[in-house]
């Protein structure tokens, strides 16, 4: 029986790309996870954090700014100084799908493994560089939303 990743004898799939939120992680979206974590850690209503965070969302997605660039303004908007480490912890507040990671481990010696995501660049870099994902995702592309 042929391997399902082979198209025919002439053409073979050489790379496998995975989406991040909802595929590699159990959480389907990053921003609500970040907002919820900050809200709980700083004891600030979710709606207040959400409004302050989404004020910067487009600039973050397009790579015009980083979270560090907007953090002081964000803290002013929520009415409380929050240590930046809370945001780093919010980035890391994910549940990696172990079955997908096992699949990636099984395939990474035979295929180029990549990631395509619309995550904010500093979030995805923090996660990849501080988890076992670093071993597999030497190549990933961050695609910001376009209007």
Protein backbone atom coordinates (compact mmCIF):
# COMPACT_ATOMS: atom_id res chain seq x y z
CA UNK A 1 0.00 0.00 0.00
CA UNK A 2 1.36 3.41 -0.95
CA UNK A 3 2.11 6.01 1.66
CA UNK A 4 -0.78 8.49 1.62
CA UNK A 5 1.69 11.40 1.35
CA UNK A 6 2.96 10.18 -2.05
CA UNK A 7 1.01 11.60 -4.97
CA UNK A 8 2.56 9.28 -7.57
CA UNK A 9 6.00 7.98 -8.53
CA UNK A 10 6.87 11.25 -10.29
CA UNK A 11 5.79 13.71 -7.60
CA UNK A 12 6.18 13.45 -3.85
CA UNK A 13 5.15 15.84 -1.10
CA UNK A 14 8.35 17.26 0.41
CA UNK A 15 6.95 19.46 3.13
CA UNK A 16 4.16 19.51 5.67
CA UNK A 17 2.79 22.78 7.02
CA UNK A 18 0.66 23.14 10.12
CA UNK A 19 -1.51 25.95 11.43
CA UNK A 20 -0.80 26.94 15.02
CA UNK A 21 -3.96 27.83 16.96
CA UNK A 22 -6.52 25.05 16.78
CA UNK A 23 -4.17 22.53 15.15
CA UNK A 24 -0.90 22.47 17.09
CA UNK A 25 -2.68 23.90 20.12
CA UNK A 26 -6.06 23.01 21.55
CA UNK A 27 -7.03 26.71 21.81
CA UNK A 28 -8.60 27.93 18.58
CA UNK A 29 -7.46 31.57 18.89
CA UNK A 30 -4.56 33.31 20.57
CA UNK A 31 -5.96 36.72 21.46
CA UNK A 32 -8.84 35.52 23.67
CA UNK A 33 -6.39 33.24 25.51
CA UNK A 34 -4.02 36.17 26.11
CA UNK A 35 -6.84 38.48 27.20
CA UNK A 36 -8.30 35.92 29.58
CA UNK A 37 -4.94 35.21 31.20
CA UNK A 38 -4.14 38.91 31.72
CA UNK A 39 -7.64 39.56 33.04
CA UNK A 40 -7.32 36.80 35.63
CA UNK A 41 -3.73 37.54 36.66
CA UNK A 42 -4.25 41.30 36.98
CA UNK A 43 -7.78 41.03 38.37
CA UNK A 44 -9.19 43.32 35.69
CA UNK A 45 -12.56 42.67 33.98
CA UNK A 46 -12.21 40.72 30.74
CA UNK A 47 -14.05 43.40 28.74
CA UNK A 48 -11.62 46.11 29.91
CA UNK A 49 -8.58 44.04 28.89
CA UNK A 50 -10.24 43.03 25.64
CA UNK A 51 -10.97 46.65 24.62
CA UNK A 52 -7.43 47.80 25.46
CA UNK A 53 -5.82 44.83 23.69
CA UNK A 54 -7.87 44.99 20.50
CA UNK A 55 -7.10 48.71 20.20
CA UNK A 56 -3.64 47.55 19.02
CA UNK A 57 -4.66 44.36 17.25
CA UNK A 58 -4.27 45.45 13.61
CA UNK A 59 -0.86 47.03 14.21
CA UNK A 60 0.26 43.87 16.02
CA UNK A 61 -1.03 41.59 13.27
CA UNK A 62 0.58 43.61 10.50
CA UNK A 63 3.89 43.74 12.34
CA UNK A 64 3.83 47.52 12.68
CA UNK A 65 4.41 47.20 16.44
CA UNK A 66 5.27 44.54 18.98
CA UNK A 67 3.53 43.88 22.26
CA UNK A 68 6.39 45.62 24.03
CA UNK A 69 5.73 48.74 21.93
CA UNK A 70 2.09 48.91 23.02
CA UNK A 71 2.46 47.68 26.60
CA UNK A 72 2.67 51.06 28.35
CA UNK A 73 -0.36 52.38 26.47
CA UNK A 74 -2.22 49.12 27.18
CA UNK A 75 -1.50 49.42 30.92
CA UNK A 76 -2.75 53.03 30.89
CA UNK A 77 -5.96 51.91 29.17
CA UNK A 78 -6.64 49.15 31.72
CA UNK A 79 -5.76 51.53 34.57
CA UNK A 80 -3.06 49.40 36.10
CA UNK A 81 0.66 48.79 35.68
CA UNK A 82 1.13 45.14 34.77
CA UNK A 83 4.59 43.63 34.63
CA UNK A 84 5.48 42.62 31.06
CA UNK A 85 6.27 39.11 32.29
CA UNK A 86 2.53 38.60 32.72
CA UNK A 87 2.21 38.95 28.95
CA UNK A 88 5.03 36.46 28.35
CA UNK A 89 3.21 34.02 30.64
CA UNK A 90 -0.02 34.72 28.75
CA UNK A 91 1.76 33.82 25.49
CA UNK A 92 2.85 30.52 27.03
CA UNK A 93 -0.63 29.75 28.40
CA UNK A 94 -1.37 27.18 25.70
CA UNK A 95 -2.17 23.50 25.49
CA UNK A 96 -0.14 21.76 22.80
CA UNK A 97 -1.95 18.90 21.08
CA UNK A 98 0.35 15.96 21.87
CA UNK A 99 -1.12 13.80 19.08
CA UNK A 100 -0.17 16.40 16.48
CA UNK A 101 3.31 16.77 18.01
CA UNK A 102 3.74 12.98 17.87
CA UNK A 103 2.72 13.06 14.20
CA UNK A 104 5.20 15.86 13.53
CA UNK A 105 7.95 13.93 15.37
CA UNK A 106 7.21 10.92 13.21
CA UNK A 107 7.43 12.91 9.98
CA UNK A 108 10.14 15.50 10.66
CA UNK A 109 13.08 13.39 9.42
CA UNK A 110 11.47 12.77 6.04
CA UNK A 111 9.71 16.07 5.37
CA UNK A 112 10.32 19.77 5.70
CA UNK A 113 8.09 20.77 8.59
CA UNK A 114 6.69 24.29 8.60
CA UNK A 115 4.10 26.44 10.30
CA UNK A 116 1.75 28.98 8.79
CA UNK A 117 -0.03 31.28 11.21
CA UNK A 118 -1.64 34.68 11.52
CA UNK A 119 -0.34 35.05 15.08
CA UNK A 120 1.46 38.14 16.23
CA UNK A 121 5.16 37.56 15.52
CA UNK A 122 6.42 38.13 19.07
CA UNK A 123 3.85 35.70 20.50
CA UNK A 124 4.69 32.89 18.12
CA UNK A 125 8.44 33.48 18.48
CA UNK A 126 8.14 33.31 22.27
CA UNK A 127 6.18 30.07 22.13
CA UNK A 128 8.31 28.31 19.52
CA UNK A 129 11.60 29.32 21.15
CA UNK A 130 10.50 28.19 24.62
CA UNK A 131 8.86 24.85 23.84
CA UNK A 132 9.68 21.58 22.14
CA UNK A 133 8.27 23.12 18.96
CA UNK A 134 11.65 24.76 18.35
CA UNK A 135 13.04 21.35 17.41
CA UNK A 136 10.54 20.96 14.55
CA UNK A 137 9.75 24.45 13.30
CA UNK A 138 12.89 25.88 11.85
CA UNK A 139 10.66 27.29 9.10
CA UNK A 140 7.41 29.05 9.75
CA UNK A 141 5.69 31.94 8.11
CA UNK A 142 3.54 34.48 9.89
CA UNK A 143 0.76 35.80 7.68
CA UNK A 144 -0.96 38.86 9.11
CA UNK A 145 -4.51 39.64 8.12
CA UNK A 146 -4.98 41.83 5.09
CA UNK A 147 -8.06 43.93 4.48
